[in-house]
Amino acid sequence: MQVNPYLSFQGQCEAAFTFYAQVLGGQLGTIFRYAGTTFEGQVPADWNDKVMHGSVTVAGMELMGADVAPDRYEAPRGFSLSIHLTDIADAERIFQALSTGGRIVMGLEQTFWAERFGMLTDRFGMSWMINCGSGEAA
């Protein structure tokens, strides 16, 4: 069995996955568009080039997602994508990149459980938690 997060976007799925691949050192997967599929008529005419299904693989984990028609889209809530790192410089770089244009919920700082921990919502509306190392090692 395999469980994969499936992310919904408001028309920026390809941009988000390209960005995640760049920032997280991942690999963009195949992108399927609405044009020419049975779902083409279920999205606005200017959405034919939007992503019906796509993926990005990061550290062996596949994130999947799609652009959801505006009348069906619901903002993500109740979950976060959690990244666990061992290098503080990597944690700081990734936190900075993901938070650019987004909203910092909790700044990246030392906690009792981690050398660094922070929470943010990126510019695509996805919530992230960055964990780095053990607080006991600090």
N, C-alpha and C. Protein backbone atom coordinates (compact mmCIF):
# COMPACT_ATOMS: atom_id res chain seq x y z
N MET A 1 0.84 -1.18 0.00
CA MET A 1 0.00 0.00 0.00
C MET A 1 0.89 1.24 0.00
N GLN A 2 0.41 2.27 -0.64
CA GLN A 2 1.09 3.55 -0.67
C GLN A 2 0.06 4.66 -0.48
N VAL A 3 0.39 5.65 0.32
CA VAL A 3 -0.49 6.79 0.56
C VAL A 3 0.23 8.04 0.08
N ASN A 4 -0.43 8.82 -0.77
CA ASN A 4 0.17 10.05 -1.30
C ASN A 4 -0.74 11.23 -1.05
N PRO A 5 -0.18 12.36 -0.63
CA PRO A 5 -0.99 13.57 -0.54
C PRO A 5 -1.45 14.00 -1.94
N TYR A 6 -2.69 14.45 -2.06
CA TYR A 6 -3.23 14.96 -3.32
C TYR A 6 -3.66 16.39 -3.06
N LEU A 7 -2.98 17.34 -3.70
CA LEU A 7 -3.16 18.76 -3.43
C LEU A 7 -4.04 19.41 -4.48
N SER A 8 -4.92 20.28 -4.05
CA SER A 8 -5.81 21.01 -4.96
C SER A 8 -5.35 22.45 -5.07
N PHE A 9 -5.33 22.95 -6.31
CA PHE A 9 -4.89 24.31 -6.59
C PHE A 9 -5.95 25.08 -7.36
N GLN A 10 -5.80 26.38 -7.36
CA GLN A 10 -6.73 27.29 -8.06
C GLN A 10 -6.17 27.73 -9.40
N GLY A 11 -5.51 26.84 -10.11
CA GLY A 11 -4.96 27.19 -11.41
C GLY A 11 -3.45 27.34 -11.43
N GLN A 12 -2.78 27.08 -10.29
CA GLN A 12 -1.33 27.23 -10.24
C GLN A 12 -0.61 25.92 -9.94
N CYS A 13 -1.21 24.79 -10.21
CA CYS A 13 -0.60 23.50 -9.89
C CYS A 13 0.76 23.34 -10.56
N GLU A 14 0.85 23.62 -11.84
CA GLU A 14 2.12 23.45 -12.54
C GLU A 14 3.19 24.37 -11.97
N ALA A 15 2.85 25.61 -11.70
CA ALA A 15 3.81 26.55 -11.12
C ALA A 15 4.24 26.08 -9.73
N ALA A 16 3.30 25.59 -8.93
CA ALA A 16 3.62 25.11 -7.59
C ALA A 16 4.54 23.91 -7.65
N PHE A 17 4.21 22.92 -8.47
CA PHE A 17 5.03 21.72 -8.54
C PHE A 17 6.41 22.01 -9.12
N THR A 18 6.50 22.91 -10.07
CA THR A 18 7.81 23.31 -10.61
C THR A 18 8.63 23.98 -9.51
N PHE A 19 7.98 24.84 -8.74
CA PHE A 19 8.64 25.52 -7.62
C PHE A 19 9.08 24.52 -6.56
N TYR A 20 8.21 23.59 -6.18
CA TYR A 20 8.56 22.60 -5.17
C TYR A 20 9.74 21.74 -5.64
N ALA A 21 9.75 21.35 -6.91
CA ALA A 21 10.86 20.57 -7.45
C ALA A 21 12.17 21.34 -7.33
N GLN A 22 12.12 22.62 -7.64
CA GLN A 22 13.32 23.46 -7.57
C GLN A 22 13.79 23.63 -6.12
N VAL A 23 12.90 24.04 -5.24
CA VAL A 23 13.26 24.34 -3.85
C VAL A 23 13.65 23.08 -3.07
N LEU A 24 12.96 21.98 -3.31
CA LEU A 24 13.15 20.78 -2.53
C LEU A 24 14.03 19.74 -3.22
N GLY A 25 14.56 20.08 -4.39
CA GLY A 25 15.42 19.15 -5.12
C GLY A 25 14.68 17.95 -5.64
N GLY A 26 13.43 18.17 -6.07
CA GLY A 26 12.60 17.09 -6.56
C GLY A 26 12.59 16.96 -8.07
N GLN A 27 11.74 16.09 -8.55
CA GLN A 27 11.60 15.83 -9.98
C GLN A 27 10.14 15.97 -10.38
N LEU A 28 9.88 16.88 -11.30
CA LEU A 28 8.53 17.07 -11.82
C LEU A 28 8.12 15.85 -12.62
N GLY A 29 6.92 15.36 -12.38
CA GLY A 29 6.40 14.20 -13.10
C GLY A 29 5.61 14.63 -14.33
N THR A 30 4.90 13.69 -14.92
CA THR A 30 4.07 13.96 -16.09
C THR A 30 2.92 14.87 -15.70
N ILE A 31 2.61 15.80 -16.58
CA ILE A 31 1.49 16.73 -16.39
C ILE A 31 0.42 16.40 -17.42
N PHE A 32 -0.78 16.11 -16.94
CA PHE A 32 -1.92 15.88 -17.82
C PHE A 32 -2.82 17.10 -17.74
N ARG A 33 -3.23 17.60 -18.89
CA ARG A 33 -4.05 18.81 -18.95
C ARG A 33 -5.50 18.45 -19.25
N TYR A 34 -6.40 19.38 -18.98
CA TYR A 34 -7.82 19.16 -19.24
C TYR A 34 -8.13 19.03 -20.73
N ALA A 35 -7.40 19.77 -21.56
CA ALA A 35 -7.68 19.77 -23.01
C ALA A 35 -7.65 18.35 -23.57
N GLY A 36 -8.66 18.02 -24.34
CA GLY A 36 -8.73 16.73 -25.01
C GLY A 36 -9.19 15.57 -24.14
N THR A 37 -9.60 15.84 -22.90
CA THR A 37 -10.09 14.77 -22.03
C THR A 37 -11.60 14.90 -21.84
N THR A 38 -12.18 13.90 -21.22
CA THR A 38 -13.61 13.94 -20.95
C THR A 38 -13.95 15.01 -19.90
N PHE A 39 -12.95 15.52 -19.20
CA PHE A 39 -13.17 16.55 -18.19
C PHE A 39 -13.07 17.97 -18.74
N GLU A 40 -12.72 18.09 -20.00
CA GLU A 40 -12.53 19.40 -20.63
C GLU A 40 -13.76 20.30 -20.48
N GLY A 41 -14.93 19.74 -20.60
CA GLY A 41 -16.16 20.51 -20.50
C GLY A 41 -16.57 20.86 -19.07
N GLN A 42 -15.83 20.33 -18.09
CA GLN A 42 -16.17 20.58 -16.70
C GLN A 42 -15.37 21.73 -16.07
N VAL A 43 -14.52 22.36 -16.89
CA VAL A 43 -13.75 23.51 -16.42
C VAL A 43 -13.99 24.66 -17.40
N PRO A 44 -13.74 25.89 -16.96
CA PRO A 44 -13.91 27.03 -17.88
C PRO A 44 -13.06 26.86 -19.15
N ALA A 45 -13.50 27.44 -20.25
CA ALA A 45 -12.81 27.30 -21.53
C ALA A 45 -11.35 27.73 -21.45
N ASP A 46 -11.05 28.74 -20.64
CA ASP A 46 -9.67 29.20 -20.52
C ASP A 46 -8.83 28.32 -19.58
N TRP A 47 -9.39 27.20 -19.14
CA TRP A 47 -8.68 26.27 -18.26
C TRP A 47 -8.17 25.02 -19.00
N ASN A 48 -8.30 24.97 -20.31
CA ASN A 48 -7.87 23.79 -21.05
C ASN A 48 -6.40 23.43 -20.83
N ASP A 49 -5.56 24.43 -20.57
CA ASP A 49 -4.14 24.18 -20.32
C ASP A 49 -3.83 23.94 -18.85
N LYS A 50 -4.82 24.03 -17.99
CA LYS A 50 -4.59 23.80 -16.56
C LYS A 50 -4.37 22.30 -16.30
N VAL A 51 -3.85 21.99 -15.14
CA VAL A 51 -3.45 20.62 -14.80
C VAL A 51 -4.65 19.81 -14.30
N MET A 52 -4.95 18.75 -15.04
CA MET A 52 -5.98 17.81 -14.62
C MET A 52 -5.39 16.84 -13.59
N HIS A 53 -4.13 16.49 -13.79
CA HIS A 53 -3.38 15.64 -12.84
C HIS A 53 -1.90 15.85 -13.09
N GLY A 54 -1.17 16.00 -11.98
CA GLY A 54 0.28 16.13 -12.08
C GLY A 54 0.93 15.60 -10.82
N SER A 55 2.26 15.54 -10.87
CA SER A 55 2.98 15.06 -9.69
C SER A 55 4.38 15.66 -9.63
N VAL A 56 4.92 15.64 -8.44
CA VAL A 56 6.31 15.99 -8.20
C VAL A 56 6.82 15.01 -7.14
N THR A 57 8.00 14.45 -7.38
CA THR A 57 8.60 13.51 -6.44
C THR A 57 9.73 14.20 -5.70
N VAL A 58 9.66 14.13 -4.38
CA VAL A 58 10.66 14.76 -3.52
C VAL A 58 11.12 13.72 -2.50
N ALA A 59 12.41 13.44 -2.50
CA ALA A 59 12.99 12.49 -1.54
C ALA A 59 12.22 11.17 -1.51
N GLY A 60 11.84 10.67 -2.68
CA GLY A 60 11.14 9.41 -2.78
C GLY A 60 9.66 9.45 -2.49
N MET A 61 9.14 10.63 -2.15
CA MET A 61 7.71 10.81 -1.85
C MET A 61 7.04 11.54 -3.00
N GLU A 62 5.95 11.00 -3.48
CA GLU A 62 5.24 11.62 -4.60
C GLU A 62 4.07 12.46 -4.09
N LEU A 63 4.14 13.76 -4.38
CA LEU A 63 3.00 14.65 -4.16
C LEU A 63 2.23 14.69 -5.46
N MET A 64 0.94 14.51 -5.39
CA MET A 64 0.11 14.58 -6.58
C MET A 64 -0.86 15.74 -6.42
N GLY A 65 -1.41 16.23 -7.54
CA GLY A 65 -2.35 17.33 -7.43
C GLY A 65 -2.96 17.71 -8.76
N ALA A 66 -3.84 18.71 -8.69
CA ALA A 66 -4.56 19.18 -9.87
C ALA A 66 -5.08 20.58 -9.62
N ASP A 67 -5.42 21.23 -10.72
CA ASP A 67 -6.14 22.50 -10.66
C ASP A 67 -7.63 22.15 -10.62
N VAL A 68 -8.30 22.63 -9.61
CA VAL A 68 -9.72 22.32 -9.42
C VAL A 68 -10.55 23.48 -9.98
N ALA A 69 -11.59 23.14 -10.72
CA ALA A 69 -12.46 24.16 -11.31
C ALA A 69 -12.89 25.16 -10.24
N PRO A 70 -12.92 26.45 -10.59
CA PRO A 70 -13.22 27.49 -9.60
C PRO A 70 -14.50 27.25 -8.79
N ASP A 71 -15.52 26.68 -9.41
CA ASP A 71 -16.78 26.46 -8.67
C ASP A 71 -16.72 25.24 -7.74
N ARG A 72 -15.62 24.46 -7.81
CA ARG A 72 -15.47 23.27 -6.96
C ARG A 72 -14.30 23.36 -5.98
N TYR A 73 -13.50 24.38 -6.14
CA TYR A 73 -12.30 24.51 -5.33
C TYR A 73 -12.62 24.81 -3.87
N GLU A 74 -11.93 24.14 -2.97
CA GLU A 74 -12.00 24.43 -1.54
C GLU A 74 -10.57 24.61 -1.05
N ALA A 75 -10.32 25.69 -0.32
CA ALA A 75 -8.98 25.95 0.20
C ALA A 75 -8.55 24.82 1.13
N PRO A 76 -7.28 24.42 1.06
CA PRO A 76 -6.80 23.36 1.95
C PRO A 76 -6.86 23.82 3.41
N ARG A 77 -7.22 22.90 4.28
CA ARG A 77 -7.20 23.20 5.71
C ARG A 77 -7.21 21.88 6.47
N GLY A 78 -6.68 21.94 7.66
CA GLY A 78 -6.67 20.76 8.51
C GLY A 78 -5.50 19.83 8.28
N PHE A 79 -4.50 20.24 7.50
CA PHE A 79 -3.31 19.43 7.30
C PHE A 79 -2.13 20.33 6.96
N SER A 80 -0.95 19.80 7.12
CA SER A 80 0.28 20.48 6.69
C SER A 80 1.19 19.44 6.07
N LEU A 81 2.01 19.87 5.14
CA LEU A 81 3.08 19.05 4.61
C LEU A 81 4.26 19.26 5.54
N SER A 82 4.84 18.19 6.04
CA SER A 82 5.90 18.29 7.04
C SER A 82 7.22 17.80 6.45
N ILE A 83 8.23 18.65 6.57
CA ILE A 83 9.57 18.33 6.07
C ILE A 83 10.49 18.15 7.27
N HIS A 84 11.25 17.06 7.29
CA HIS A 84 12.20 16.79 8.35
C HIS A 84 13.61 16.82 7.77
N LEU A 85 14.45 17.65 8.35
CA LEU A 85 15.81 17.85 7.86
C LEU A 85 16.81 17.66 8.99
N THR A 86 18.08 17.51 8.63
CA THR A 86 19.13 17.41 9.63
C THR A 86 20.07 18.61 9.59
N ASP A 87 20.05 19.37 8.50
CA ASP A 87 20.96 20.49 8.32
C ASP A 87 20.22 21.83 8.51
N ILE A 88 20.69 22.64 9.45
CA ILE A 88 20.03 23.92 9.75
C ILE A 88 20.04 24.85 8.54
N ALA A 89 21.14 24.88 7.79
CA ALA A 89 21.21 25.75 6.61
C ALA A 89 20.15 25.36 5.58
N ASP A 90 19.94 24.05 5.39
CA ASP A 90 18.90 23.59 4.47
C ASP A 90 17.51 24.01 4.98
N ALA A 91 17.30 23.85 6.29
CA ALA A 91 16.00 24.23 6.88
C ALA A 91 15.75 25.71 6.66
N GLU A 92 16.74 26.54 6.89
CA GLU A 92 16.58 27.99 6.72
C GLU A 92 16.33 28.36 5.27
N ARG A 93 17.07 27.73 4.35
CA ARG A 93 16.89 28.01 2.91
C ARG A 93 15.50 27.62 2.45
N ILE A 94 15.06 26.43 2.82
CA ILE A 94 13.74 25.94 2.39
C ILE A 94 12.63 26.77 3.02
N PHE A 95 12.76 27.09 4.30
CA PHE A 95 11.75 27.91 4.96
C PHE A 95 11.63 29.27 4.28
N GLN A 96 12.77 29.89 4.00
CA GLN A 96 12.78 31.20 3.34
C GLN A 96 12.12 31.12 1.96
N ALA A 97 12.50 30.12 1.18
CA ALA A 97 11.96 29.98 -0.18
C ALA A 97 10.45 29.73 -0.15
N LEU A 98 10.00 28.80 0.68
CA LEU A 98 8.58 28.47 0.72
C LEU A 98 7.74 29.62 1.27
N SER A 99 8.30 30.41 2.18
CA SER A 99 7.52 31.50 2.78
C SER A 99 7.46 32.75 1.91
N THR A 100 8.34 32.87 0.92
CA THR A 100 8.34 34.04 0.05
C THR A 100 7.00 34.16 -0.68
N GLY A 101 6.33 35.28 -0.47
CA GLY A 101 5.02 35.50 -1.09
C GLY A 101 3.89 34.82 -0.36
N GLY A 102 4.21 34.12 0.71
CA GLY A 102 3.20 33.42 1.50
C GLY A 102 3.02 34.09 2.85
N ARG A 103 2.72 33.28 3.86
CA ARG A 103 2.47 33.81 5.20
C ARG A 103 3.17 32.93 6.22
N ILE A 104 4.00 33.55 7.04
CA ILE A 104 4.67 32.82 8.12
C ILE A 104 3.70 32.71 9.29
N VAL A 105 3.46 31.48 9.72
CA VAL A 105 2.58 31.21 10.85
C VAL A 105 3.41 31.22 12.14
N MET A 106 4.56 30.58 12.10
CA MET A 106 5.52 30.57 13.21
C MET A 106 6.90 30.62 12.61
N GLY A 107 7.68 31.61 13.00
CA GLY A 107 9.03 31.75 12.47
C GLY A 107 9.88 30.52 12.78
N LEU A 108 10.90 30.32 11.96
CA LEU A 108 11.80 29.19 12.14
C LEU A 108 12.69 29.47 13.34
N GLU A 109 12.53 28.68 14.39
CA GLU A 109 13.28 28.93 15.62
C GLU A 109 13.55 27.63 16.36
N GLN A 110 14.43 27.71 17.35
CA GLN A 110 14.74 26.54 18.17
C GLN A 110 13.57 26.28 19.11
N THR A 111 13.27 25.00 19.30
CA THR A 111 12.22 24.58 20.23
C THR A 111 12.80 23.49 21.12
N PHE A 112 12.00 23.01 22.06
CA PHE A 112 12.48 21.93 22.93
C PHE A 112 12.60 20.61 22.18
N TRP A 113 11.95 20.46 21.01
CA TRP A 113 12.02 19.21 20.27
C TRP A 113 12.87 19.30 19.01
N ALA A 114 13.25 20.50 18.61
CA ALA A 114 13.99 20.63 17.35
C ALA A 114 14.99 21.79 17.41
N GLU A 115 16.07 21.62 16.66
CA GLU A 115 17.02 22.74 16.53
C GLU A 115 16.35 23.90 15.81
N ARG A 116 15.46 23.58 14.87
CA ARG A 116 14.66 24.59 14.19
C ARG A 116 13.29 23.99 13.87
N PHE A 117 12.27 24.80 14.07
CA PHE A 117 10.91 24.43 13.68
C PHE A 117 10.19 25.71 13.26
N GLY A 118 9.44 25.62 12.18
CA GLY A 118 8.64 26.75 11.73
C GLY A 118 7.45 26.27 10.92
N MET A 119 6.45 27.15 10.82
CA MET A 119 5.24 26.84 10.07
C MET A 119 4.92 27.99 9.14
N LEU A 120 4.42 27.67 7.97
CA LEU A 120 4.09 28.69 6.98
C LEU A 120 3.02 28.20 6.04
N THR A 121 2.40 29.14 5.36
CA THR A 121 1.52 28.85 4.23
C THR A 121 2.18 29.47 3.02
N ASP A 122 2.45 28.68 2.01
CA ASP A 122 3.16 29.21 0.84
C ASP A 122 2.23 30.03 -0.06
N ARG A 123 2.79 30.62 -1.08
CA ARG A 123 2.01 31.50 -1.97
C ARG A 123 0.95 30.75 -2.77
N PHE A 124 0.99 29.41 -2.75
CA PHE A 124 -0.01 28.60 -3.45
C PHE A 124 -1.10 28.12 -2.50
N GLY A 125 -1.01 28.51 -1.23
CA GLY A 125 -2.03 28.15 -0.25
C GLY A 125 -1.77 26.87 0.52
N MET A 126 -0.60 26.26 0.35
CA MET A 126 -0.27 25.01 1.05
C MET A 126 0.42 25.31 2.38
N SER A 127 0.02 24.58 3.42
CA SER A 127 0.63 24.72 4.74
C SER A 127 1.81 23.76 4.87
N TRP A 128 2.89 24.27 5.43
CA TRP A 128 4.12 23.50 5.61
C TRP A 128 4.60 23.62 7.05
N MET A 129 5.23 22.56 7.53
CA MET A 129 5.96 22.58 8.80
C MET A 129 7.39 22.12 8.48
N ILE A 130 8.36 22.88 8.97
CA ILE A 130 9.77 22.53 8.77
C ILE A 130 10.34 22.14 10.12
N ASN A 131 10.85 20.93 10.22
CA ASN A 131 11.49 20.41 11.43
C ASN A 131 12.95 20.13 11.10
N CYS A 132 13.85 20.52 12.00
CA CYS A 132 15.26 20.26 11.76
C CYS A 132 15.94 19.80 13.04
N GLY A 133 16.45 18.60 13.01
CA GLY A 133 17.24 18.08 14.12
C GLY A 133 16.49 17.97 15.42
N SER A 134 17.20 17.51 16.41
CA SER A 134 16.65 17.33 17.75
C SER A 134 17.04 18.51 18.62
N GLY A 135 16.13 18.99 19.43
CA GLY A 135 16.41 20.09 20.33
C GLY A 135 17.49 19.73 21.34
N GLU A 136 17.63 18.45 21.66
CA GLU A 136 18.65 18.00 22.61
C GLU A 136 20.05 18.14 22.03
N ALA A 137 20.17 18.13 20.68
CA ALA A 137 21.48 18.25 20.04
C ALA A 137 21.95 19.68 19.96
N ALA A 138 21.06 20.63 20.21
CA ALA A 138 21.41 22.05 20.07
C ALA A 138 22.19 22.55 21.26
